[in-house]
């Protein structure tokens, strides 16, 4: 039932957004074309902003690549040697330097303590729950 209500809602929104006549349709298309051409010529009007954002994006891409290399080194170190340290240092893509990768924490299986009691219920927990009148 809720699916039908949501579907009807979105269909109503779609119908409200559709143009009613040719003039309104051409006005909507003209506005969309103007917005696209304005976005396409943004870097021509603001070259400094585009250069700065391009530099910021390249730094972001380098950091993402470095993070992915660290993660792959961690995964490979854990799966290959199951607890030994990671392989050597990771070189940043830009060649700016070498950053050592910290050693991994060993993953040892925990032994199950069978001698300890697993009974954690208190006497109040063991009492029967109230069942209501007439039971």
C-alpha atoms as a PDB file:
ATOM      1  CA  UNK A   1       0.000   0.000   0.000  1.00  0.00           C
ATOM      2  CA  UNK A   2       2.815   2.395   0.908  1.00  0.00           C
ATOM      3  CA  UNK A   3       4.442   1.664  -2.450  1.00  0.00           C
ATOM      4  CA  UNK A   4       1.323   2.854  -4.261  1.00  0.00           C
ATOM      5  CA  UNK A   5       1.209   6.066  -2.232  1.00  0.00           C
ATOM      6  CA  UNK A   6       4.873   6.818  -2.975  1.00  0.00           C
ATOM      7  CA  UNK A   7       4.410   6.050  -6.663  1.00  0.00           C
ATOM      8  CA  UNK A   8       1.375   8.332  -6.849  1.00  0.00           C
ATOM      9  CA  UNK A   9       3.315  11.099  -5.097  1.00  0.00           C
ATOM     10  CA  UNK A  10       6.242  10.959  -7.541  1.00  0.00           C
ATOM     11  CA  UNK A  11       3.922  10.771 -10.542  1.00  0.00           C
ATOM     12  CA  UNK A  12       2.130  13.873  -9.269  1.00  0.00           C
ATOM     13  CA  UNK A  13       5.451  15.704  -8.936  1.00  0.00           C
ATOM     14  CA  UNK A  14       6.412  14.641 -12.460  1.00  0.00           C
ATOM     15  CA  UNK A  15       3.104  15.877 -13.886  1.00  0.00           C
ATOM     16  CA  UNK A  16       3.466  19.214 -12.084  1.00  0.00           C
ATOM     17  CA  UNK A  17       6.937  19.725 -13.580  1.00  0.00           C
ATOM     18  CA  UNK A  18       5.883  19.046 -17.171  1.00  0.00           C
ATOM     19  CA  UNK A  19       5.326  22.142 -19.321  1.00  0.00           C
ATOM     20  CA  UNK A  20       1.763  22.904 -20.380  1.00  0.00           C
ATOM     21  CA  UNK A  21       2.242  24.572 -23.789  1.00  0.00           C
ATOM     22  CA  UNK A  22       4.869  25.228 -26.506  1.00  0.00           C
ATOM     23  CA  UNK A  23       5.878  28.649 -25.129  1.00  0.00           C
ATOM     24  CA  UNK A  24       6.553  27.274 -21.673  1.00  0.00           C
ATOM     25  CA  UNK A  25       8.420  24.307 -23.178  1.00  0.00           C
ATOM     26  CA  UNK A  26      10.687  26.550 -25.269  1.00  0.00           C
ATOM     27  CA  UNK A  27      11.318  28.769 -22.230  1.00  0.00           C
ATOM     28  CA  UNK A  28      12.398  25.736 -20.169  1.00  0.00           C
ATOM     29  CA  UNK A  29      14.699  24.491 -22.945  1.00  0.00           C
ATOM     30  CA  UNK A  30      16.193  27.971 -23.396  1.00  0.00           C
ATOM     31  CA  UNK A  31      16.878  28.274 -19.681  1.00  0.00           C
ATOM     32  CA  UNK A  32      18.532  24.843 -19.619  1.00  0.00           C
ATOM     33  CA  UNK A  33      20.718  25.742 -22.630  1.00  0.00           C
ATOM     34  CA  UNK A  34      21.767  29.016 -20.982  1.00  0.00           C
ATOM     35  CA  UNK A  35      22.699  27.193 -17.764  1.00  0.00           C
ATOM     36  CA  UNK A  36      24.798  24.624 -19.640  1.00  0.00           C
ATOM     37  CA  UNK A  37      26.623  27.260 -21.705  1.00  0.00           C
ATOM     38  CA  UNK A  38      27.240  29.311 -18.550  1.00  0.00           C
ATOM     39  CA  UNK A  39      28.789  26.310 -16.812  1.00  0.00           C
ATOM     40  CA  UNK A  40      30.880  25.467 -19.891  1.00  0.00           C
ATOM     41  CA  UNK A  41      32.404  28.968 -20.033  1.00  0.00           C
ATOM     42  CA  UNK A  42      33.124  29.245 -16.290  1.00  0.00           C
ATOM     43  CA  UNK A  43      36.856  28.529 -16.669  1.00  0.00           C
ATOM     44  CA  UNK A  44      37.133  31.134 -19.449  1.00  0.00           C
ATOM     45  CA  UNK A  45      35.766  33.790 -17.097  1.00  0.00           C
ATOM     46  CA  UNK A  46      37.591  32.596 -13.942  1.00  0.00           C
ATOM     47  CA  UNK A  47      40.942  31.041 -14.933  1.00  0.00           C
ATOM     48  CA  UNK A  48      42.509  31.476 -11.471  1.00  0.00           C
ATOM     49  CA  UNK A  49      39.646  29.632  -9.763  1.00  0.00           C
ATOM     50  CA  UNK A  50      39.876  26.752 -12.232  1.00  0.00           C
ATOM     51  CA  UNK A  51      43.665  26.507 -11.806  1.00  0.00           C
ATOM     52  CA  UNK A  52      43.340  26.442  -8.023  1.00  0.00           C
ATOM     53  CA  UNK A  53      40.602  23.818  -8.121  1.00  0.00           C
ATOM     54  CA  UNK A  54      42.637  21.710 -10.550  1.00  0.00           C
ATOM     55  CA  UNK A  55      45.613  21.807  -8.151  1.00  0.00           C
ATOM     56  CA  UNK A  56      43.369  20.902  -5.223  1.00  0.00           C
ATOM     57  CA  UNK A  57      41.875  18.021  -7.193  1.00  0.00           C
ATOM     58  CA  UNK A  58      45.335  16.670  -8.100  1.00  0.00           C
ATOM     59  CA  UNK A  59      46.381  16.780  -4.417  1.00  0.00           C
ATOM     60  CA  UNK A  60      43.154  14.984  -3.495  1.00  0.00           C
ATOM     61  CA  UNK A  61      43.827  12.328  -6.135  1.00  0.00           C
ATOM     62  CA  UNK A  62      47.396  11.833  -4.845  1.00  0.00           C
ATOM     63  CA  UNK A  63      46.142  11.436  -1.277  1.00  0.00           C
ATOM     64  CA  UNK A  64      43.498   8.938  -2.377  1.00  0.00           C
ATOM     65  CA  UNK A  65      46.097   6.920  -4.293  1.00  0.00           C
ATOM     66  CA  UNK A  66      48.476   6.986  -1.318  1.00  0.00           C
ATOM     67  CA  UNK A  67      45.679   5.865   1.029  1.00  0.00           C
ATOM     68  CA  UNK A  68      44.771   3.028  -1.320  1.00  0.00           C
ATOM     69  CA  UNK A  69      48.415   1.915  -1.429  1.00  0.00           C
ATOM     70  CA  UNK A  70      48.590   1.946   2.379  1.00  0.00           C
ATOM     71  CA  UNK A  71      45.385  -0.063   2.626  1.00  0.00           C
ATOM     72  CA  UNK A  72      46.585  -2.610   0.076  1.00  0.00           C
ATOM     73  CA  UNK A  73      49.884  -2.913   1.952  1.00  0.00           C
ATOM     74  CA  UNK A  74      48.009  -3.503   5.190  1.00  0.00           C
ATOM     75  CA  UNK A  75      45.752  -6.133   3.637  1.00  0.00           C
ATOM     76  CA  UNK A  76      48.625  -7.913   1.918  1.00  0.00           C
ATOM     77  CA  UNK A  77      50.709  -7.822   5.099  1.00  0.00           C
ATOM     78  CA  UNK A  78      47.902  -9.303   7.157  1.00  0.00           C
ATOM     79  CA  UNK A  79      47.005 -12.001   4.673  1.00  0.00           C
ATOM     80  CA  UNK A  80      50.559 -13.018   3.717  1.00  0.00           C
ATOM     81  CA  UNK A  81      52.222 -13.254   7.094  1.00  0.00           C
ATOM     82  CA  UNK A  82      49.257 -13.194   9.529  1.00  0.00           C
ATOM     83  CA  UNK A  83      50.724 -10.799  12.032  1.00  0.00           C
ATOM     84  CA  UNK A  84      54.156  -9.809  10.819  1.00  0.00           C
ATOM     85  CA  UNK A  85      54.961  -6.217   9.953  1.00  0.00           C
ATOM     86  CA  UNK A  86      53.956  -4.670   6.673  1.00  0.00           C
ATOM     87  CA  UNK A  87      56.187  -4.614   3.628  1.00  0.00           C
ATOM     88  CA  UNK A  88      58.580  -1.687   3.250  1.00  0.00           C
ATOM     89  CA  UNK A  89      57.720   1.992   3.018  1.00  0.00           C
ATOM     90  CA  UNK A  90      55.202   3.312   0.517  1.00  0.00           C
ATOM     91  CA  UNK A  91      56.372   5.948  -1.983  1.00  0.00           C
ATOM     92  CA  UNK A  92      53.948   8.786  -2.653  1.00  0.00           C
ATOM     93  CA  UNK A  93      52.871   9.056  -6.308  1.00  0.00           C
ATOM     94  CA  UNK A  94      54.298  12.549  -6.706  1.00  0.00           C
ATOM     95  CA  UNK A  95      57.733  11.367  -5.592  1.00  0.00           C
ATOM     96  CA  UNK A  96      57.629  13.930  -2.764  1.00  0.00           C
ATOM     97  CA  UNK A  97      58.991  11.483  -0.246  1.00  0.00           C
ATOM     98  CA  UNK A  98      58.779   8.153   1.452  1.00  0.00           C
ATOM     99  CA  UNK A  99      56.533   7.578   4.436  1.00  0.00           C
ATOM    100  CA  UNK A 100      57.042   4.459   6.546  1.00  0.00           C
ATOM    101  CA  UNK A 101      54.027   2.257   7.075  1.00  0.00           C
ATOM    102  CA  UNK A 102      53.386   1.388  10.744  1.00  0.00           C
ATOM    103  CA  UNK A 103      53.684  -2.234  11.738  1.00  0.00           C
ATOM    104  CA  UNK A 104      50.496  -4.207  11.851  1.00  0.00           C
ATOM    105  CA  UNK A 105      48.842  -5.509  14.992  1.00  0.00           C
ATOM    106  CA  UNK A 106      49.033  -9.300  15.042  1.00  0.00           C
ATOM    107  CA  UNK A 107      45.721 -11.070  14.663  1.00  0.00           C
ATOM    108  CA  UNK A 108      45.834 -14.040  17.005  1.00  0.00           C
ATOM    109  CA  UNK A 109      42.783 -16.238  17.569  1.00  0.00           C
ATOM    110  CA  UNK A 110      41.457 -16.009  21.104  1.00  0.00           C
ATOM    111  CA  UNK A 111      41.221 -19.254  23.042  1.00  0.00           C
ATOM    112  CA  UNK A 112      37.750 -20.090  24.377  1.00  0.00           C
ATOM    113  CA  UNK A 113      37.714 -20.333  28.169  1.00  0.00           C
ATOM    114  CA  UNK A 114      35.616 -23.420  28.925  1.00  0.00           C
ATOM    115  CA  UNK A 115      36.328 -23.426  32.663  1.00  0.00           C
ATOM    116  CA  UNK A 116      34.434 -20.180  33.366  1.00  0.00           C
ATOM    117  CA  UNK A 117      30.728 -20.312  34.061  1.00  0.00           C
ATOM    118  CA  UNK A 118      28.495 -18.868  31.388  1.00  0.00           C
ATOM    119  CA  UNK A 119      25.514 -18.523  33.712  1.00  0.00           C
ATOM    120  CA  UNK A 120      24.902 -14.775  33.846  1.00  0.00           C
ATOM    121  CA  UNK A 121      21.238 -14.738  34.913  1.00  0.00           C
ATOM    122  CA  UNK A 122      20.335 -13.209  38.251  1.00  0.00           C
ATOM    123  CA  UNK A 123      17.566 -14.683  40.456  1.00  0.00           C
ATOM    124  CA  UNK A 124      15.234 -11.859  39.296  1.00  0.00           C
ATOM    125  CA  UNK A 125      15.844 -12.852  35.694  1.00  0.00           C
ATOM    126  CA  UNK A 126      14.806 -16.432  36.461  1.00  0.00           C
ATOM    127  CA  UNK A 127      11.374 -15.470  37.806  1.00  0.00           C
ATOM    128  CA  UNK A 128       8.413 -16.159  35.551  1.00  0.00           C
ATOM    129  CA  UNK A 129       7.112 -13.162  33.627  1.00  0.00           C
ATOM    130  CA  UNK A 130       3.702 -11.751  34.550  1.00  0.00           C
ATOM    131  CA  UNK A 131       1.026 -13.384  32.397  1.00  0.00           C
ATOM    132  CA  UNK A 132      -1.971 -11.214  33.139  1.00  0.00           C
ATOM    133  CA  UNK A 133      -5.156 -11.875  35.097  1.00  0.00           C
ATOM    134  CA  UNK A 134      -6.981 -15.134  34.861  1.00  0.00           C
ATOM    135  CA  UNK A 135      -4.073 -17.292  33.820  1.00  0.00           C
END
